[in-house]
C-alpha atoms as a PDB file:
ATOM      1  CA  MET A   1       0.083  -0.184   0.134  1.00  0.00           C
ATOM      2  CA  ARG A   2       1.510   3.392  -1.115  1.00  0.00           C
ATOM      3  CA  THR A   3      -0.140   6.498   0.624  1.00  0.00           C
ATOM      4  CA  ILE A   4      -0.144   9.884  -0.690  1.00  0.00           C
ATOM      5  CA  ALA A   5      -1.440  12.994   1.102  1.00  0.00           C
ATOM      6  CA  PHE A   6      -2.082  16.323  -0.671  1.00  0.00           C
ATOM      7  CA  PHE A   7      -1.482  19.143   1.750  1.00  0.00           C
ATOM      8  CA  ASN A   8      -0.675  22.740   2.028  1.00  0.00           C
ATOM      9  CA  ASN A   9      -1.948  24.921   4.697  1.00  0.00           C
ATOM     10  CA  LYS A  10      -3.018  27.416   2.177  1.00  0.00           C
ATOM     11  CA  GLY A  11      -6.755  26.848   1.180  1.00  0.00           C
ATOM     12  CA  GLY A  12      -8.476  27.813  -1.989  1.00  0.00           C
ATOM     13  CA  VAL A  13      -5.980  26.284  -4.500  1.00  0.00           C
ATOM     14  CA  GLY A  14      -7.878  23.472  -5.982  1.00  0.00           C
ATOM     15  CA  LYS A  15      -6.284  20.605  -3.861  1.00  0.00           C
ATOM     16  CA  THR A  16      -9.577  18.641  -3.503  1.00  0.00           C
ATOM     17  CA  THR A  17     -10.283  18.927  -7.020  1.00  0.00           C
ATOM     18  CA  LEU A  18      -6.833  17.978  -7.718  1.00  0.00           C
ATOM     19  CA  VAL A  19      -7.193  14.541  -5.411  1.00  0.00           C
ATOM     20  CA  TYR A  20     -10.495  13.850  -7.241  1.00  0.00           C
ATOM     21  CA  HIS A  21      -9.048  14.183 -10.955  1.00  0.00           C
ATOM     22  CA  ILE A  22      -5.837  12.176 -10.034  1.00  0.00           C
ATOM     23  CA  ALA A  23      -7.962   9.488  -8.290  1.00  0.00           C
ATOM     24  CA  TRP A  24      -9.898   8.900 -11.552  1.00  0.00           C
ATOM     25  CA  MET A  25      -6.945   9.199 -13.754  1.00  0.00           C
ATOM     26  CA  MET A  26      -5.177   6.579 -11.719  1.00  0.00           C
ATOM     27  CA  ALA A  27      -7.914   4.339 -11.965  1.00  0.00           C
ATOM     28  CA  GLU A  28      -8.259   5.086 -15.670  1.00  0.00           C
ATOM     29  CA  GLN A  29      -4.824   3.749 -15.979  1.00  0.00           C
ATOM     30  CA  GLY A  30      -5.513   0.475 -14.375  1.00  0.00           C
ATOM     31  CA  HIS A  31      -4.551   1.101 -10.829  1.00  0.00           C
ATOM     32  CA  ARG A  32      -6.918   0.243  -7.748  1.00  0.00           C
ATOM     33  CA  VAL A  33      -7.240   3.473  -5.673  1.00  0.00           C
ATOM     34  CA  LEU A  34      -8.587   4.281  -2.431  1.00  0.00           C
ATOM     35  CA  ALA A  35      -9.335   7.879  -1.672  1.00  0.00           C
ATOM     36  CA  ALA A  36      -9.670   8.713   1.965  1.00  0.00           C
ATOM     37  CA  ASP A  37     -11.576  12.141   2.810  1.00  0.00           C
ATOM     38  CA  LEU A  38     -10.096  13.314   6.017  1.00  0.00           C
ATOM     39  CA  ASP A  39     -11.032  16.723   5.664  1.00  0.00           C
ATOM     40  CA  PRO A  40     -13.664  17.793   8.328  1.00  0.00           C
ATOM     41  CA  GLN A  41     -15.150  19.933   5.069  1.00  0.00           C
ATOM     42  CA  ALA A  42     -15.847  16.724   3.280  1.00  0.00           C
ATOM     43  CA  ASN A  43     -15.597  18.441   0.141  1.00  0.00           C
ATOM     44  CA  LEU A  44     -14.104  15.351  -1.791  1.00  0.00           C
ATOM     45  CA  SER A  45     -16.869  13.344  -0.579  1.00  0.00           C
ATOM     46  CA  SER A  46     -19.268  15.759  -1.956  1.00  0.00           C
ATOM     47  CA  MET A  47     -17.392  15.727  -5.576  1.00  0.00           C
ATOM     48  CA  PHE A  48     -17.793  11.986  -5.661  1.00  0.00           C
ATOM     49  CA  LEU A  49     -21.083  11.500  -4.482  1.00  0.00           C
ATOM     50  CA  GLU A  50     -24.840  12.858  -5.186  1.00  0.00           C
ATOM     51  CA  GLU A  51     -26.351  14.963  -2.177  1.00  0.00           C
ATOM     52  CA  GLU A  52     -29.022  12.193  -1.946  1.00  0.00           C
ATOM     53  CA  ARG A  53     -26.350   9.645  -1.211  1.00  0.00           C
ATOM     54  CA  LEU A  54     -24.612  11.681   1.064  1.00  0.00           C
ATOM     55  CA  GLU A  55     -28.075  12.356   3.050  1.00  0.00           C
ATOM     56  CA  GLU A  56     -27.880   8.275   3.181  1.00  0.00           C
ATOM     57  CA  LEU A  57     -24.250   8.353   4.575  1.00  0.00           C
ATOM     58  CA  TRP A  58     -24.994  11.268   7.120  1.00  0.00           C
ATOM     59  CA  PRO A  59     -28.438  10.226   8.723  1.00  0.00           C
ATOM     60  CA  GLU A  60     -29.840  12.125  11.689  1.00  0.00           C
ATOM     61  CA  LYS A  61     -30.821   9.597  14.076  1.00  0.00           C
ATOM     62  CA  VAL A  62     -28.372   6.542  13.418  1.00  0.00           C
ATOM     63  CA  ASP A  63     -24.778   6.176  13.101  1.00  0.00           C
ATOM     64  CA  HIS A  64     -22.890   7.675  10.265  1.00  0.00           C
ATOM     65  CA  LYS A  65     -21.611   5.542   7.156  1.00  0.00           C
ATOM     66  CA  SER A  66     -18.340   7.979   7.172  1.00  0.00           C
ATOM     67  CA  VAL A  67     -14.986   8.145   8.767  1.00  0.00           C
ATOM     68  CA  LEU A  68     -16.620   9.462  11.834  1.00  0.00           C
ATOM     69  CA  SER A  69     -18.617   5.948  12.337  1.00  0.00           C
ATOM     70  CA  CYS A  70     -14.889   4.471  12.238  1.00  0.00           C
ATOM     71  CA  ILE A  71     -13.564   6.744  15.162  1.00  0.00           C
ATOM     72  CA  SER A  72     -16.820   6.923  17.227  1.00  0.00           C
ATOM     73  CA  PRO A  73     -15.847   4.153  19.757  1.00  0.00           C
ATOM     74  CA  ILE A  74     -12.631   6.072  20.425  1.00  0.00           C
ATOM     75  CA  LEU A  75     -14.335   9.359  20.790  1.00  0.00           C
ATOM     76  CA  GLU A  76     -16.900   7.788  23.008  1.00  0.00           C
ATOM     77  CA  GLY A  77     -14.453   5.716  25.037  1.00  0.00           C
ATOM     78  CA  THR A  78     -16.057   2.420  24.407  1.00  0.00           C
ATOM     79  CA  GLY A  79     -13.476   0.812  22.321  1.00  0.00           C
ATOM     80  CA  ASP A  80     -11.312   1.041  19.148  1.00  0.00           C
ATOM     81  CA  ILE A  81     -11.758   1.847  15.788  1.00  0.00           C
ATOM     82  CA  ALA A  82     -14.657   0.240  13.655  1.00  0.00           C
ATOM     83  CA  PRO A  83     -14.412  -1.138  10.279  1.00  0.00           C
ATOM     84  CA  ALA A  84     -14.815   1.555   7.419  1.00  0.00           C
ATOM     85  CA  HIS A  85     -17.677   1.703   5.146  1.00  0.00           C
ATOM     86  CA  THR A  86     -16.274   2.522   1.462  1.00  0.00           C
ATOM     87  CA  GLU A  87     -18.245   3.727  -1.382  1.00  0.00           C
ATOM     88  CA  ARG A  88     -17.533   2.026  -4.724  1.00  0.00           C
ATOM     89  CA  ILE A  89     -17.081   4.486  -7.479  1.00  0.00           C
ATOM     90  CA  LEU A  90     -15.895   2.242  -9.787  1.00  0.00           C
ATOM     91  CA  ASP A  91     -14.538  -1.608  -9.746  1.00  0.00           C
ATOM     92  CA  ASN A  92     -11.062  -0.086  -9.022  1.00  0.00           C
ATOM     93  CA  LEU A  93     -11.888   3.187  -7.162  1.00  0.00           C
ATOM     94  CA  HIS A  94     -13.234   3.517  -3.913  1.00  0.00           C
ATOM     95  CA  LEU A  95     -13.994   6.490  -1.049  1.00  0.00           C
ATOM     96  CA  ILE A  96     -13.866   6.386   2.666  1.00  0.00           C
ATOM     97  CA  PRO A  97     -16.444   9.242   2.764  1.00  0.00           C
ATOM     98  CA  GLY A  98     -15.707  12.088   4.940  1.00  0.00           C
ATOM     99  CA  ASP A  99     -17.908  13.765   7.552  1.00  0.00           C
ATOM    100  CA  LEU A 100     -18.342  17.114   8.965  1.00  0.00           C
ATOM    101  CA  GLY A 101     -18.461  15.775  12.337  1.00  0.00           C
ATOM    102  CA  LEU A 102     -14.578  14.725  12.267  1.00  0.00           C
ATOM    103  CA  SER A 103     -13.799  18.137  13.873  1.00  0.00           C
ATOM    104  CA  GLN A 104     -14.930  16.433  17.171  1.00  0.00           C
ATOM    105  CA  PHE A 105     -11.767  14.305  16.990  1.00  0.00           C
ATOM    106  CA  GLU A 106      -9.535  17.496  17.142  1.00  0.00           C
ATOM    107  CA  ASP A 107      -9.326  17.492  20.948  1.00  0.00           C
ATOM    108  CA  LYS A 108      -9.160  13.788  21.452  1.00  0.00           C
ATOM    109  CA  LEU A 109      -5.819  13.931  19.100  1.00  0.00           C
ATOM    110  CA  SER A 110      -4.166  16.972  20.930  1.00  0.00           C
ATOM    111  CA  ASP A 111      -4.446  15.276  24.248  1.00  0.00           C
ATOM    112  CA  SER A 112      -3.240  11.869  22.888  1.00  0.00           C
ATOM    113  CA  TRP A 113      -0.097  13.272  21.275  1.00  0.00           C
ATOM    114  CA  PRO A 114       1.893  14.093  24.280  1.00  0.00           C
ATOM    115  CA  ARG A 115       0.429  10.970  26.162  1.00  0.00           C
ATOM    116  CA  CYS A 116       1.953   8.782  23.608  1.00  0.00           C
ATOM    117  CA  LEU A 117       5.470   9.576  25.328  1.00  0.00           C
ATOM    118  CA  ASP A 118       4.062   7.853  28.537  1.00  0.00           C
ATOM    119  CA  ARG A 119       3.617   4.545  26.543  1.00  0.00           C
ATOM    120  CA  ASP A 120      -0.133   5.303  26.781  1.00  0.00           C
ATOM    121  CA  SER A 121      -1.651   2.323  24.559  1.00  0.00           C
ATOM    122  CA  ALA A 122      -5.080   4.161  24.234  1.00  0.00           C
ATOM    123  CA  ALA A 123      -3.230   7.612  23.060  1.00  0.00           C
ATOM    124  CA  PHE A 124      -1.295   5.524  20.446  1.00  0.00           C
ATOM    125  CA  ARG A 125      -4.712   3.849  19.250  1.00  0.00           C
ATOM    126  CA  ALA A 126      -6.201   7.254  18.995  1.00  0.00           C
ATOM    127  CA  ILE A 127      -3.078   8.716  17.067  1.00  0.00           C
ATOM    128  CA  THR A 128      -2.881   5.862  14.453  1.00  0.00           C
ATOM    129  CA  ALA A 129      -6.693   5.618  13.977  1.00  0.00           C
ATOM    130  CA  PHE A 130      -6.728   7.218  10.650  1.00  0.00           C
ATOM    131  CA  TYR A 131      -3.814   5.005   9.409  1.00  0.00           C
ATOM    132  CA  ARG A 132      -5.429   1.840  10.513  1.00  0.00           C
ATOM    133  CA  ILE A 133      -8.639   2.735   8.978  1.00  0.00           C
ATOM    134  CA  ILE A 134      -6.902   3.451   5.832  1.00  0.00           C
ATOM    135  CA  TYR A 135      -4.720   0.191   6.197  1.00  0.00           C
ATOM    136  CA  TYR A 136      -7.787  -2.182   6.781  1.00  0.00           C
ATOM    137  CA  ALA A 137      -9.926  -0.526   4.067  1.00  0.00           C
ATOM    138  CA  ALA A 138      -7.239  -0.820   1.582  1.00  0.00           C
ATOM    139  CA  LYS A 139      -7.017  -4.612   2.222  1.00  0.00           C
ATOM    140  CA  ASP A 140     -10.677  -4.882   2.088  1.00  0.00           C
ATOM    141  CA  VAL A 141     -10.780  -3.289  -1.583  1.00  0.00           C
ATOM    142  CA  ASP A 142      -7.207  -4.733  -2.646  1.00  0.00           C
ATOM    143  CA  ALA A 143      -6.278  -1.093  -3.049  1.00  0.00           C
ATOM    144  CA  GLU A 144      -2.632  -0.423  -4.028  1.00  0.00           C
ATOM    145  CA  ILE A 145      -2.749   3.411  -3.880  1.00  0.00           C
ATOM    146  CA  VAL A 146      -4.430   5.414  -1.307  1.00  0.00           C
ATOM    147  CA  LEU A 147      -4.859   9.288  -1.972  1.00  0.00           C
ATOM    148  CA  ILE A 148      -5.495  11.242   1.271  1.00  0.00           C
ATOM    149  CA  ASP A 149      -7.283  14.676   1.246  1.00  0.00           C
ATOM    150  CA  VAL A 150      -6.817  16.800   4.238  1.00  0.00           C
ATOM    151  CA  GLY A 151      -7.988  20.298   5.288  1.00  0.00           C
ATOM    152  CA  PRO A 152      -5.764  23.330   5.091  1.00  0.00           C
ATOM    153  CA  ASN A 153      -4.467  23.794   8.382  1.00  0.00           C
ATOM    154  CA  LEU A 154      -1.806  22.578  10.969  1.00  0.00           C
ATOM    155  CA  GLY A 155      -3.991  21.056  13.549  1.00  0.00           C
ATOM    156  CA  ALA A 156      -4.163  17.776  15.440  1.00  0.00           C
ATOM    157  CA  ILE A 157      -6.425  16.077  12.766  1.00  0.00           C
ATOM    158  CA  ASN A 158      -4.060  16.751  10.085  1.00  0.00           C
ATOM    159  CA  ARG A 159      -0.980  15.715  11.996  1.00  0.00           C
ATOM    160  CA  SER A 160      -2.441  12.395  12.628  1.00  0.00           C
ATOM    161  CA  ALA A 161      -3.796  12.110   8.911  1.00  0.00           C
ATOM    162  CA  LEU A 162      -0.042  13.142   7.585  1.00  0.00           C
ATOM    163  CA  ILE A 163       1.438  10.517   9.898  1.00  0.00           C
ATOM    164  CA  ALA A 164      -0.362   7.831   7.841  1.00  0.00           C
ATOM    165  CA  ALA A 165       1.099   9.085   4.559  1.00  0.00           C
ATOM    166  CA  ASP A 166       4.274   8.016   2.993  1.00  0.00           C
ATOM    167  CA  TYR A 167       4.468  10.911   0.150  1.00  0.00           C
ATOM    168  CA  VAL A 168       3.463  14.636   0.676  1.00  0.00           C
ATOM    169  CA  ILE A 169       2.499  16.551  -2.621  1.00  0.00           C
ATOM    170  CA  SER A 170       1.987  20.210  -2.253  1.00  0.00           C
ATOM    171  CA  PRO A 171      -0.539  21.715  -4.568  1.00  0.00           C
ATOM    172  CA  LEU A 172       0.287  25.550  -4.657  1.00  0.00           C
ATOM    173  CA  ALA A 173      -1.184  28.624  -6.269  1.00  0.00           C
ATOM    174  CA  PRO A 174       1.145  30.861  -7.925  1.00  0.00           C
ATOM    175  CA  ASP A 175       0.701  33.665  -5.493  1.00  0.00           C
ATOM    176  CA  LEU A 176       2.294  35.341  -2.160  1.00  0.00           C
ATOM    177  CA  TYR A 177       0.031  33.001   0.191  1.00  0.00           C
ATOM    178  CA  SER A 178       1.122  29.700  -1.132  1.00  0.00           C
ATOM    179  CA  LEU A 179       4.895  30.659  -0.711  1.00  0.00           C
ATOM    180  CA  GLN A 180       3.956  31.480   3.012  1.00  0.00           C
ATOM    181  CA  GLY A 181       2.225  28.366   3.375  1.00  0.00           C
ATOM    182  CA  LEU A 182       5.410  26.559   2.073  1.00  0.00           C
ATOM    183  CA  LYS A 183       7.456  28.367   4.685  1.00  0.00           C
ATOM    184  CA  ASN A 184       4.947  27.150   7.447  1.00  0.00           C
ATOM    185  CA  LEU A 185       4.596  23.733   6.075  1.00  0.00           C
ATOM    186  CA  GLY A 186       8.143  22.814   5.989  1.00  0.00           C
ATOM    187  CA  PRO A 187       9.167  23.178   9.536  1.00  0.00           C
ATOM    188  CA  THR A 188       5.773  21.690  10.877  1.00  0.00           C
ATOM    189  CA  LEU A 189       6.239  18.343   8.519  1.00  0.00           C
ATOM    190  CA  LYS A 190       9.617  18.085  10.152  1.00  0.00           C
ATOM    191  CA  SER A 191       8.477  18.770  13.775  1.00  0.00           C
ATOM    192  CA  TRP A 192       5.776  15.992  12.987  1.00  0.00           C
ATOM    193  CA  ARG A 193       8.383  13.440  11.741  1.00  0.00           C
ATOM    194  CA  ARG A 194      10.682  13.891  14.581  1.00  0.00           C
ATOM    195  CA  GLY A 195       7.627  13.868  17.119  1.00  0.00           C
ATOM    196  CA  TRP A 196       6.471  10.619  15.682  1.00  0.00           C
ATOM    197  CA  GLU A 197       9.985   8.867  15.710  1.00  0.00           C
ATOM    198  CA  GLN A 198      10.262   9.674  19.539  1.00  0.00           C
ATOM    199  CA  ARG A 199       6.809   8.237  20.105  1.00  0.00           C
ATOM    200  CA  LEU A 200       7.463   5.006  18.198  1.00  0.00           C
ATOM    201  CA  GLN A 201      10.383   4.417  20.429  1.00  0.00           C
ATOM    202  CA  GLN A 202       7.953   4.536  23.626  1.00  0.00           C
ATOM    203  CA  LYS A 203       5.458   2.024  21.875  1.00  0.00           C
ATOM    204  CA  PRO A 204       4.007  -0.199  24.681  1.00  0.00           C
ATOM    205  CA  ASP A 205       5.313  -3.890  24.024  1.00  0.00           C
ATOM    206  CA  SER A 206       1.953  -5.244  24.467  1.00  0.00           C
ATOM    207  CA  LEU A 207       0.550  -2.943  21.797  1.00  0.00           C
ATOM    208  CA  ASN A 208      -0.246  -5.213  18.784  1.00  0.00           C
ATOM    209  CA  ILE A 209      -1.583  -2.957  16.121  1.00  0.00           C
ATOM    210  CA  PRO A 210      -0.230  -1.868  12.604  1.00  0.00           C
ATOM    211  CA  LEU A 211       1.578   1.365  13.028  1.00  0.00           C
ATOM    212  CA  PRO A 212       2.691   4.216  10.228  1.00  0.00           C
ATOM    213  CA  SER A 213       6.264   4.834   9.662  1.00  0.00           C
ATOM    214  CA  GLY A 214       5.336   8.559   9.538  1.00  0.00           C
ATOM    215  CA  LYS A 215       7.653   9.104   6.604  1.00  0.00           C
ATOM    216  CA  MET A 216       5.802  12.050   5.109  1.00  0.00           C
ATOM    217  CA  MET A 217       8.502  12.129   2.416  1.00  0.00           C
ATOM    218  CA  PRO A 218       8.160  15.292   0.208  1.00  0.00           C
ATOM    219  CA  ALA A 219       7.231  14.049  -3.378  1.00  0.00           C
ATOM    220  CA  GLY A 220       7.196  17.683  -5.087  1.00  0.00           C
ATOM    221  CA  TYR A 221       4.720  20.516  -5.795  1.00  0.00           C
ATOM    222  CA  ILE A 222       1.996  20.956  -8.329  1.00  0.00           C
ATOM    223  CA  VAL A 223       1.251  24.553  -9.376  1.00  0.00           C
ATOM    224  CA  MET A 224      -2.585  25.160  -9.423  1.00  0.00           C
ATOM    225  CA  GLN A 225      -4.869  27.809 -11.528  1.00  0.00           C
ATOM    226  CA  HIS A 226      -1.844  28.286 -13.948  1.00  0.00           C
ATOM    227  CA  VAL A 227      -3.180  30.729 -16.545  1.00  0.00           C
ATOM    228  CA  GLU A 228      -1.199  30.929 -20.132  1.00  0.00           C
ATOM    229  CA  ARG A 229      -1.642  33.127 -23.140  1.00  0.00           C
ATOM    230  CA  LYS A 230      -0.282  32.017 -26.226  1.00  0.00           C
ATOM    231  CA  SER A 231       1.229  29.051 -24.416  1.00  0.00           C
ATOM    232  CA  ARG A 232       3.218  31.183 -21.936  1.00  0.00           C
ATOM    233  CA  PRO A 233       2.361  32.144 -18.330  1.00  0.00           C
ATOM    234  CA  VAL A 234       0.787  35.815 -17.965  1.00  0.00           C
ATOM    235  CA  LYS A 235       3.383  38.011 -16.063  1.00  0.00           C
ATOM    236  CA  ALA A 236       1.353  38.089 -12.802  1.00  0.00           C
ATOM    237  CA  TYR A 237       1.576  34.579 -12.472  1.00  0.00           C
ATOM    238  CA  ARG A 238       4.961  34.096 -13.977  1.00  0.00           C
ATOM    239  CA  LYS A 239       6.977  35.860 -10.856  1.00  0.00           C
ATOM    240  CA  TRP A 240       5.262  33.826  -8.399  1.00  0.00           C
ATOM    241  CA  VAL A 241       5.848  30.458 -10.388  1.00  0.00           C
ATOM    242  CA  GLU A 242       9.599  31.681 -10.589  1.00  0.00           C
ATOM    243  CA  ARG A 243       9.919  32.042  -6.703  1.00  0.00           C
ATOM    244  CA  ILE A 244       8.228  28.693  -5.665  1.00  0.00           C
ATOM    245  CA  PRO A 245      11.424  26.437  -6.351  1.00  0.00           C
ATOM    246  CA  ALA A 246      13.776  28.391  -3.800  1.00  0.00           C
ATOM    247  CA  THR A 247      11.067  28.352  -1.328  1.00  0.00           C
ATOM    248  CA  TYR A 248      10.502  24.528  -1.825  1.00  0.00           C
ATOM    249  CA  TRP A 249      14.205  23.534  -1.648  1.00  0.00           C
ATOM    250  CA  LYS A 250      14.822  25.907   1.585  1.00  0.00           C
ATOM    251  CA  TYR A 251      11.776  25.195   3.766  1.00  0.00           C
ATOM    252  CA  ILE A 252      10.454  21.817   2.479  1.00  0.00           C
ATOM    253  CA  LEU A 253      13.605  20.232   1.660  1.00  0.00           C
ATOM    254  CA  ASP A 254      15.972  22.077   3.900  1.00  0.00           C
ATOM    255  CA  GLN A 255      18.337  22.586   1.177  1.00  0.00           C
ATOM    256  CA  THR A 256      19.954  25.635  -0.727  1.00  0.00           C
ATOM    257  CA  ALA A 257      20.085  25.438  -4.306  1.00  0.00           C
ATOM    258  CA  ASP A 258      22.290  28.035  -5.657  1.00  0.00           C
ATOM    259  CA  SER A 259      20.913  27.622  -9.222  1.00  0.00           C
ATOM    260  CA  ILE A 260      17.432  26.335 -10.081  1.00  0.00           C
ATOM    261  CA  SER A 261      16.280  26.234 -13.666  1.00  0.00           C
ATOM    262  CA  GLU A 262      12.718  26.842 -14.869  1.00  0.00           C
ATOM    263  CA  ASP A 263      12.478  22.894 -15.075  1.00  0.00           C
ATOM    264  CA  ASP A 264      12.747  22.536 -11.212  1.00  0.00           C
ATOM    265  CA  ALA A 265      13.126  18.798 -10.490  1.00  0.00           C
ATOM    266  CA  ASN A 266      10.733  19.149  -7.574  1.00  0.00           C
ATOM    267  CA  ARG A 267       7.694  20.576  -9.859  1.00  0.00           C
ATOM    268  CA  ILE A 268       5.539  17.786 -10.801  1.00  0.00           C
ATOM    269  CA  GLY A 269       3.473  19.622 -13.109  1.00  0.00           C
ATOM    270  CA  LEU A 270       1.125  22.721 -14.006  1.00  0.00           C
ATOM    271  CA  ILE A 271      -2.198  22.405 -13.902  1.00  0.00           C
ATOM    272  CA  ARG A 272      -4.312  24.946 -16.078  1.00  0.00           C
ATOM    273  CA  HIS A 273      -7.257  26.885 -15.039  1.00  0.00           C
ATOM    274  CA  TYR A 274     -10.032  25.109 -16.643  1.00  0.00           C
ATOM    275  CA  GLN A 275     -12.586  28.008 -15.845  1.00  0.00           C
ATOM    276  CA  SER A 276     -15.989  27.187 -17.457  1.00  0.00           C
ATOM    277  CA  LEU A 277     -15.462  23.533 -17.662  1.00  0.00           C
ATOM    278  CA  MET A 278     -15.467  22.961 -13.841  1.00  0.00           C
ATOM    279  CA  PRO A 279     -19.121  23.900 -13.595  1.00  0.00           C
ATOM    280  CA  MET A 280     -20.117  21.557 -16.464  1.00  0.00           C
ATOM    281  CA  ALA A 281     -17.829  18.592 -14.968  1.00  0.00           C
ATOM    282  CA  GLN A 282     -19.603  19.329 -11.421  1.00  0.00           C
ATOM    283  CA  ASP A 283     -22.881  19.002 -13.008  1.00  0.00           C
ATOM    284  CA  ALA A 284     -22.016  15.897 -14.725  1.00  0.00           C
ATOM    285  CA  ARG A 285     -20.680  14.480 -11.835  1.00  0.00           C
ATOM    286  CA  LYS A 286     -17.416  13.622 -13.490  1.00  0.00           C
ATOM    287  CA  PRO A 287     -13.756  14.574 -14.108  1.00  0.00           C
ATOM    288  CA  VAL A 288     -13.138  17.556 -16.523  1.00  0.00           C
ATOM    289  CA  PHE A 289     -11.367  15.226 -18.887  1.00  0.00           C
ATOM    290  CA  PHE A 290     -14.360  12.568 -19.393  1.00  0.00           C
ATOM    291  CA  LEU A 291     -16.802  15.366 -20.423  1.00  0.00           C
ATOM    292  CA  LYS A 292     -18.797  14.491 -23.456  1.00  0.00           C
ATOM    293  CA  PRO A 293     -20.377  16.761 -26.261  1.00  0.00           C
ATOM    294  CA  ALA A 294     -23.700  16.122 -24.734  1.00  0.00           C
ATOM    295  CA  GLU A 295     -22.701  17.655 -21.540  1.00  0.00           C
ATOM    296  CA  GLY A 296     -21.335  20.795 -23.190  1.00  0.00           C
ATOM    297  CA  ALA A 297     -17.958  20.205 -24.317  1.00  0.00           C
ATOM    298  CA  ILE A 298     -18.333  21.168 -27.928  1.00  0.00           C
ATOM    299  CA  GLY A 299     -15.681  23.243 -30.052  1.00  0.00           C
ATOM    300  CA  ALA A 300     -13.186  25.036 -28.036  1.00  0.00           C
ATOM    301  CA  HIS A 301     -14.365  23.365 -24.991  1.00  0.00           C
ATOM    302  CA  ALA A 302     -13.678  19.706 -26.425  1.00  0.00           C
ATOM    303  CA  GLN A 303     -10.148  20.702 -27.263  1.00  0.00           C
ATOM    304  CA  SER A 304      -9.746  21.823 -23.623  1.00  0.00           C
ATOM    305  CA  VAL A 305     -11.282  18.455 -22.529  1.00  0.00           C
ATOM    306  CA  THR A 306      -8.783  16.691 -24.424  1.00  0.00           C
ATOM    307  CA  LYS A 307      -5.777  18.890 -23.155  1.00  0.00           C
ATOM    308  CA  CYS A 308      -6.910  18.523 -19.726  1.00  0.00           C
ATOM    309  CA  TYR A 309      -6.799  14.570 -20.076  1.00  0.00           C
ATOM    310  CA  MET A 310      -3.302  14.855 -21.131  1.00  0.00           C
ATOM    311  CA  ASP A 311      -2.279  17.181 -18.503  1.00  0.00           C
ATOM    312  CA  PHE A 312      -3.638  14.862 -16.026  1.00  0.00           C
ATOM    313  CA  LYS A 313      -2.282  11.814 -17.706  1.00  0.00           C
ATOM    314  CA  ARG A 314       1.415  13.091 -17.588  1.00  0.00           C
ATOM    315  CA  LEU A 315       0.567  14.550 -13.933  1.00  0.00           C
ATOM    316  CA  THR A 316      -0.368  11.007 -12.811  1.00  0.00           C
ATOM    317  CA  GLU A 317       2.511   9.276 -14.436  1.00  0.00           C
ATOM    318  CA  THR A 318       5.078  11.446 -12.668  1.00  0.00           C
ATOM    319  CA  ILE A 319       3.406  10.924  -9.428  1.00  0.00           C
ATOM    320  CA  LEU A 320       3.399   7.291  -9.853  1.00  0.00           C
ATOM    321  CA  GLN A 321       7.038   7.503 -11.033  1.00  0.00           C
ATOM    322  CA  ARG A 322       8.274   9.732  -8.235  1.00  0.00           C
ATOM    323  CA  THR A 323       6.576   7.609  -5.481  1.00  0.00           C
ATOM    324  CA  GLU A 324       7.525   4.213  -7.043  1.00  0.00           C
ATOM    325  CA  SER A 325      11.336   5.138  -7.176  1.00  0.00           C
ATOM    326  CA  GLU A 326      11.221   6.406  -3.369  1.00  0.00           C
ATOM    327  CA  ASN A 327       9.351   3.404  -2.355  1.00  0.00           C
ATOM    328  CA  ASN A 328      11.939   0.853  -3.814  1.00  0.00           C
END
């Protein structure tokens, strides 16, 4: 199982849309994929599922069939994680639905983090809950790749979600806020990685559960909402795109690069702003690159759909290559 988290503490860059499209493209390429919605806003679930289905998963009077139901025994102090319900999107694409109630777990995780250093088994079970939910669900659906969507913050929920990740990819908008987000993200990931290594050394001998390695290896960044005219980035975007590489090297990799070319080795790709195509895709409940003429993809829109398919195909292949090479 290969786990890849998409994370930046700057919101609004199109992260969830990116995860959604990559999940579909990986499935299109024949991989068995599990998408885990660990963002308390549950936006990934709302992209995959109709509102009527979400109402069925989030009933008012009985337990939810979402990630919240998995952690409810820990929240209520009645036991350990419950098995995850997974939604079948395709034969080789499944979803662990998110839940707005997931935010209830924040305080529990904050309290459990320091108690792991006291060799507290219950604290370890709480901190590793997300990893174990994903681990068992991936086994159930025979998934080889897990894509994790998290919210744009540096809180306790994201810390536990990121511990479950082998790799971290940073979606960035070409602006000042994303650069600042990288400056916050780098030291935080190092602190979380170091903190989890310390806690693994204090694991109780009697604790017989699967535990994450907490690698959180930076796998690169993706520039989102990229605007081009005549195949060249517009000036307002270009200056920020040019500043991203040095910031990523310094704050994420903790390295200094004296000379960085335009083709930065850490840049996985550039994703265009597909503008009017996105509402069409949302109405059709499918990725942009699967839009058909009957859904409005005609003329110039049809050409953009083809470009979108090729963009995500290249992007997905690069992600797979990077994580495979690091994994071996």
